[in-house]
Every structure is written in structure tokens, then in C-alpha cells.
């Protein structure tokens, strides 16, 4: 049996009760080392399968092998297991091993947990777009950014910058600025739900040169998003003025 578990932002307090219960039933836990460290108090005595970034396929295959050997395995992802998480990969690989039962346990993705830190930026229709081109060609990312901007979606940008990818966010902002006003309200959240959590409000023009990293989630408001008492708010639309 494999439970593919979304941990939320990280730590026991950020997990759903269903996720905690599933994790408690497991004797083996597989994940990126940082995420396993965040739930260390919940995995004492369990076998760990830890691999680094870009080794996700190896990790999931080891988890499937452990399940076939009779273990109950948790494959953990930060946020939600189905949003840039491991659920899709586990299910793909499980096609080769139909004897393994799989249950996906949802968690709170950064678009929601980070949005709560900022206020209520995702009240209306929104899009989530990763700026990482490790698995998605940049031309496809540009197309999605352009479509979301022209559709006036609120946008959550995942993976905005890494040590090797320094220009993705400025390039994304240039695309957005072609369809959005420079004063569009934006927000940054970092270390959501963890020690050292920070947030900031800024304009789309200012966002272009903002300092971000892989622990940052970026929020771009739509044409109606505003700052109300220091919070980023996108009106739901109940009140028509």
C-alpha cells in the first residue's frame, strides 16, 4: 500500500488530520530530505527513503518496490500531492506494478497557504504556473503566462527563481506587464507556515526586480485586486457598485 501525502506548508500543525492518520499507518516514508526533516517528529522509527532534487523517479520506484515487498509506504510532498507533487509520478509508475494499492491524500498547496498569509488574493478565478523549465519548455511557460494575463486571472507563480535560473521572474513580469498595469497589486510569501515566514506587498513593476528564491511563492493580482488595511484582497464580486 502506498499513501501519496500532501504535507501542506510543512510540519505537523500544517497537515490535515487525514494526512496524519495515513502517515501513522506507514512503516516506510519516502520524500525529499527537506520535507522529511519537517515531519521528523511524526516519522520516528520508520524507514526513510530520501533522495535529492531531480531524483524523484528513483524515489518513487523505491517506494513502489517497498510496497510490493509488503510495506505500507508514505510518499510525501510539500503542499498538495497532486499540485507539482508526487501523485502523478507515482500513479504513472504504478502502471508497471498493478498489484500496489495507492491512495492520494490531499494537502494545502502554496497558492492557498500563501494566499492566507497575504489576505485573500485568490478569491476569484486564478491560475497556478511554475516558472521552472526543468520539465516544461520555457516557450510553453510563456504561452501560459500570456494567456493567464490576458484572461485577467489572479496568478500564483511557483518556483520563481533558483541558483541556476536567475532571469525567469523578470522575464515573466515582462510578459505580464504587456497585459497588466504596472501598479497591479502583487505579493511575496516565503517559508510559508515555517520558522522565518515573511511576506511583502508590492506592485508588478517592483516585482520584476524583487529578490526571490525557491522558497518563495509569488502572487499577481488581477485588475480588481487591491490593498485593504495592509492585506492583498481580490473582491469576490458580490457587491456591484
Protein backbone atom coordinates (compact mmCIF):
# COMPACT_ATOMS: atom_id res chain seq x y z
CA UNK A 1 0.00 0.00 0.00
CA UNK A 2 1.20 3.50 -0.83
CA UNK A 3 -0.26 6.71 0.53
CA UNK A 4 0.81 9.74 -1.51
CA UNK A 5 0.54 12.50 1.08
CA UNK A 6 0.46 16.27 0.72
CA UNK A 7 2.08 17.79 3.82
CA UNK A 8 0.89 21.36 3.34
CA UNK A 9 3.48 24.06 4.08
CA UNK A 10 5.39 21.76 6.44
CA UNK A 11 5.25 20.46 9.99
CA UNK A 12 2.56 18.59 11.87
CA UNK A 13 0.46 21.69 12.57
CA UNK A 14 0.07 22.33 8.83
CA UNK A 15 -1.13 18.82 7.90
CA UNK A 16 -4.71 17.62 7.61
CA UNK A 17 -5.99 15.02 10.07
CA UNK A 18 -6.38 12.58 7.17
CA UNK A 19 -2.71 13.05 6.24
CA UNK A 20 -1.54 12.47 9.82
CA UNK A 21 -3.64 9.34 10.13
CA UNK A 22 -2.31 7.92 6.87
CA UNK A 23 1.28 8.68 7.87
CA UNK A 24 0.76 6.93 11.21
CA UNK A 25 -0.24 3.73 9.36
CA UNK A 26 3.02 3.65 7.38
CA UNK A 27 6.26 1.91 8.33
CA UNK A 28 8.23 3.49 5.47
CA UNK A 29 8.31 7.10 4.30
CA UNK A 30 9.79 8.42 1.04
CA UNK A 31 10.48 12.04 0.17
CA UNK A 32 12.90 14.86 -0.48
CA UNK A 33 15.17 15.21 2.54
CA UNK A 34 13.97 18.71 3.47
CA UNK A 35 10.35 17.58 3.61
CA UNK A 36 11.20 14.51 5.69
CA UNK A 37 13.01 16.79 8.17
CA UNK A 38 9.88 18.93 8.51
CA UNK A 39 7.88 15.92 9.79
CA UNK A 40 10.70 14.25 11.70
CA UNK A 41 8.64 14.02 14.89
CA UNK A 42 5.98 12.02 13.02
CA UNK A 43 8.35 9.55 11.37
CA UNK A 44 10.44 8.28 14.29
CA UNK A 45 11.17 4.58 13.87
CA UNK A 46 10.08 4.49 10.23
CA UNK A 47 12.37 3.53 7.35
CA UNK A 48 13.33 6.60 5.30
CA UNK A 49 13.74 6.68 1.53
CA UNK A 50 15.34 10.06 0.84
CA UNK A 51 16.65 11.34 -2.49
CA UNK A 52 17.63 14.79 -3.71
CA UNK A 53 16.04 17.07 -6.27
CA UNK A 54 15.77 15.58 -9.81
CA UNK A 55 15.80 12.06 -8.29
CA UNK A 56 12.03 11.84 -7.94
CA UNK A 57 11.64 8.87 -10.28
CA UNK A 58 14.21 6.83 -8.33
CA UNK A 59 12.45 7.71 -5.09
CA UNK A 60 9.03 6.65 -6.35
CA UNK A 61 10.37 3.39 -7.79
CA UNK A 62 11.99 2.57 -4.42
CA UNK A 63 8.68 3.33 -2.72
CA UNK A 64 6.82 1.02 -5.11
CA UNK A 65 9.38 -1.73 -4.56
CA UNK A 66 8.98 -1.36 -0.80
CA UNK A 67 5.19 -1.60 -1.13
CA UNK A 68 5.47 -4.74 -3.25
CA UNK A 69 7.70 -6.22 -0.53
CA UNK A 70 4.82 -5.84 1.91
CA UNK A 71 5.48 -2.43 3.47
CA UNK A 72 2.97 0.36 3.93
CA UNK A 73 4.65 3.40 2.40
CA UNK A 74 4.09 7.15 2.54
CA UNK A 75 5.37 9.18 -0.40
CA UNK A 76 5.30 12.77 0.82
CA UNK A 77 5.25 16.10 -0.99
CA UNK A 78 5.06 19.62 0.35
CA UNK A 79 1.79 21.40 -0.34
CA UNK A 80 -0.64 19.17 -2.21
CA UNK A 81 0.49 15.81 -3.58
CA UNK A 82 -1.28 16.48 -6.88
CA UNK A 83 -0.06 20.07 -7.43
CA UNK A 84 3.58 19.88 -8.55
CA UNK A 85 3.80 16.90 -6.18
CA UNK A 86 4.44 13.17 -6.43
CA UNK A 87 0.93 11.83 -7.02
CA UNK A 88 1.09 11.93 -10.81
CA UNK A 89 4.53 10.28 -10.97
CA UNK A 90 3.59 7.51 -8.53
CA UNK A 91 0.43 6.74 -10.49
CA UNK A 92 2.35 6.74 -13.78
CA UNK A 93 4.96 4.32 -12.48
CA UNK A 94 2.34 2.19 -10.74
CA UNK A 95 1.03 1.23 -14.18
CA UNK A 96 4.01 -1.12 -14.26
CA UNK A 97 3.00 -2.56 -10.86
CA UNK A 98 -0.80 -3.01 -10.75
CA UNK A 99 -0.56 -5.08 -7.56
CA UNK A 100 0.20 -1.99 -5.44
CA UNK A 101 -2.78 -0.13 -3.95
CA UNK A 102 -2.45 3.68 -3.99
CA UNK A 103 -4.38 6.38 -2.17
CA UNK A 104 -3.75 10.09 -2.73
CA UNK A 105 -4.09 12.26 0.39
CA UNK A 106 -4.55 15.97 -0.43
CA UNK A 107 -2.78 18.83 1.32
CA UNK A 108 -2.81 22.63 1.28
CA UNK A 109 -0.88 23.96 -1.73
CA UNK A 110 1.18 27.18 -1.54
CA UNK A 111 -1.36 29.16 -3.57
CA UNK A 112 -3.78 28.70 -0.67
CA UNK A 113 -1.49 28.79 2.37
CA UNK A 114 0.50 31.73 0.97
CA UNK A 115 -2.69 33.48 -0.04
CA UNK A 116 -3.92 33.25 3.54
CA UNK A 117 -0.71 34.91 4.75
CA UNK A 118 -1.25 37.82 2.35
CA UNK A 119 -5.01 38.14 2.89
CA UNK A 120 -7.39 36.90 0.20
CA UNK A 121 -5.74 37.30 -3.22
CA UNK A 122 -7.27 34.17 -4.79
CA UNK A 123 -10.93 34.88 -4.03
CA UNK A 124 -11.89 34.74 -7.69
CA UNK A 125 -10.65 32.66 -10.65
CA UNK A 126 -6.92 32.03 -10.52
CA UNK A 127 -4.09 30.14 -12.23
CA UNK A 128 -1.02 28.38 -10.84
CA UNK A 129 2.06 28.49 -13.06
CA UNK A 130 5.53 27.14 -12.30
CA UNK A 131 8.45 29.14 -13.70
CA UNK A 132 10.75 26.13 -13.60
CA UNK A 133 11.71 24.98 -17.09
CA UNK A 134 13.33 21.74 -15.92
CA UNK A 135 10.40 19.72 -17.25
CA UNK A 136 8.28 22.32 -19.06
CA UNK A 137 9.82 24.21 -22.01
CA UNK A 138 10.08 27.95 -21.43
CA UNK A 139 8.08 28.60 -24.61
CA UNK A 140 5.15 26.74 -23.05
CA UNK A 141 5.51 28.67 -19.80
CA UNK A 142 5.46 31.95 -21.75
CA UNK A 143 2.27 30.87 -23.55
CA UNK A 144 0.57 30.09 -20.24
CA UNK A 145 1.67 33.36 -18.67
CA UNK A 146 0.36 35.32 -21.63
CA UNK A 147 -3.00 33.51 -21.56
CA UNK A 148 -3.43 33.99 -17.79
CA UNK A 149 -2.53 37.68 -18.04
CA UNK A 150 -4.92 38.33 -20.91
CA UNK A 151 -7.67 36.40 -19.13
CA UNK A 152 -7.26 38.66 -16.05
CA UNK A 153 -6.65 35.69 -13.76
CA UNK A 154 -5.04 36.11 -10.38
CA UNK A 155 -1.80 34.14 -10.68
CA UNK A 156 0.31 32.16 -8.22
CA UNK A 157 3.87 31.70 -9.51
CA UNK A 158 5.70 28.67 -8.14
CA UNK A 159 9.49 28.09 -8.38
CA UNK A 160 10.21 31.71 -9.37
CA UNK A 161 13.99 31.51 -9.20
CA UNK A 162 16.84 29.17 -8.30
CA UNK A 163 20.63 29.38 -8.12
CA UNK A 164 20.88 28.47 -11.79
CA UNK A 165 17.69 30.17 -13.03
CA UNK A 166 18.10 33.88 -12.28
CA UNK A 167 16.08 35.52 -15.05
CA UNK A 168 12.75 33.65 -15.03
CA UNK A 169 10.85 36.08 -12.83
CA UNK A 170 11.94 39.27 -14.68
CA UNK A 171 11.05 37.61 -17.98
CA UNK A 172 7.69 36.52 -16.62
CA UNK A 173 7.00 40.05 -15.38
CA UNK A 174 7.80 41.49 -18.81
CA UNK A 175 5.16 39.19 -20.30
CA UNK A 176 2.61 40.12 -17.63
CA UNK A 177 3.32 43.83 -17.99
CA UNK A 178 2.27 43.63 -21.63
CA UNK A 179 -1.29 42.95 -20.44
CA UNK A 180 -1.38 44.25 -16.86
CA UNK A 181 -0.93 47.71 -15.38
CA UNK A 182 2.45 48.34 -13.71
CA UNK A 183 0.60 49.19 -10.47
CA UNK A 184 -1.11 45.77 -10.32
CA UNK A 185 -1.01 44.56 -6.70
CA UNK A 186 1.38 41.65 -6.11
CA UNK A 187 2.58 39.74 -3.08
CA UNK A 188 5.51 37.58 -2.00
CA UNK A 189 5.46 34.86 0.65
CA UNK A 190 8.49 32.91 1.84
CA UNK A 191 8.82 29.95 4.21
CA UNK A 192 5.04 29.66 4.41
CA UNK A 193 3.99 28.14 7.71
CA UNK A 194 7.58 27.61 8.84
CA UNK A 195 10.08 29.40 11.03
CA UNK A 196 11.14 32.64 9.35
CA UNK A 197 7.90 33.16 7.45
CA UNK A 198 7.85 36.53 5.67
CA UNK A 199 5.57 38.34 3.26
CA UNK A 200 5.57 41.57 1.31
CA UNK A 201 3.20 43.58 -0.87
CA UNK A 202 4.48 45.36 -3.96
CA UNK A 203 3.48 46.36 -7.48
CA UNK A 204 4.03 44.36 -10.65
CA UNK A 205 6.63 46.92 -11.70
CA UNK A 206 8.51 46.39 -8.42
CA UNK A 207 8.11 42.61 -8.63
CA UNK A 208 10.31 42.49 -11.70
CA UNK A 209 13.41 43.26 -9.61
CA UNK A 210 12.34 41.56 -6.37
CA UNK A 211 14.66 39.15 -4.55
CA UNK A 212 13.08 35.70 -4.53
CA UNK A 213 14.16 32.05 -4.33
CA UNK A 214 12.70 28.53 -4.44
CA UNK A 215 11.12 29.02 -1.01
CA UNK A 216 9.14 31.99 -2.33
CA UNK A 217 5.65 31.91 -3.83
CA UNK A 218 4.69 34.94 -5.92
CA UNK A 219 1.14 36.28 -6.23
CA UNK A 220 -0.01 38.56 -9.04
CA UNK A 221 -3.41 40.15 -8.61
CA UNK A 222 -5.99 40.76 -11.30
CA UNK A 223 -7.37 44.14 -12.39
CA UNK A 224 -9.66 44.26 -9.33
CA UNK A 225 -7.13 43.26 -6.65
CA UNK A 226 -6.37 45.96 -4.12
CA UNK A 227 -4.66 46.55 -0.78
CA UNK A 228 -7.15 46.88 2.08
CA UNK A 229 -5.77 47.63 5.56
CA UNK A 230 -2.43 46.16 4.60
CA UNK A 231 -3.89 42.95 3.11
CA UNK A 232 -3.97 41.80 -0.51
CA UNK A 233 -7.62 41.33 -1.44
CA UNK A 234 -9.35 40.30 -4.65
CA UNK A 235 -13.09 41.09 -4.39
CA UNK A 236 -15.41 38.11 -4.77
CA UNK A 237 -17.88 40.14 -6.81
CA UNK A 238 -20.94 40.01 -4.59
CA UNK A 239 -21.08 43.79 -4.36
CA UNK A 240 -21.66 45.58 -7.63
CA UNK A 241 -21.02 49.28 -7.37
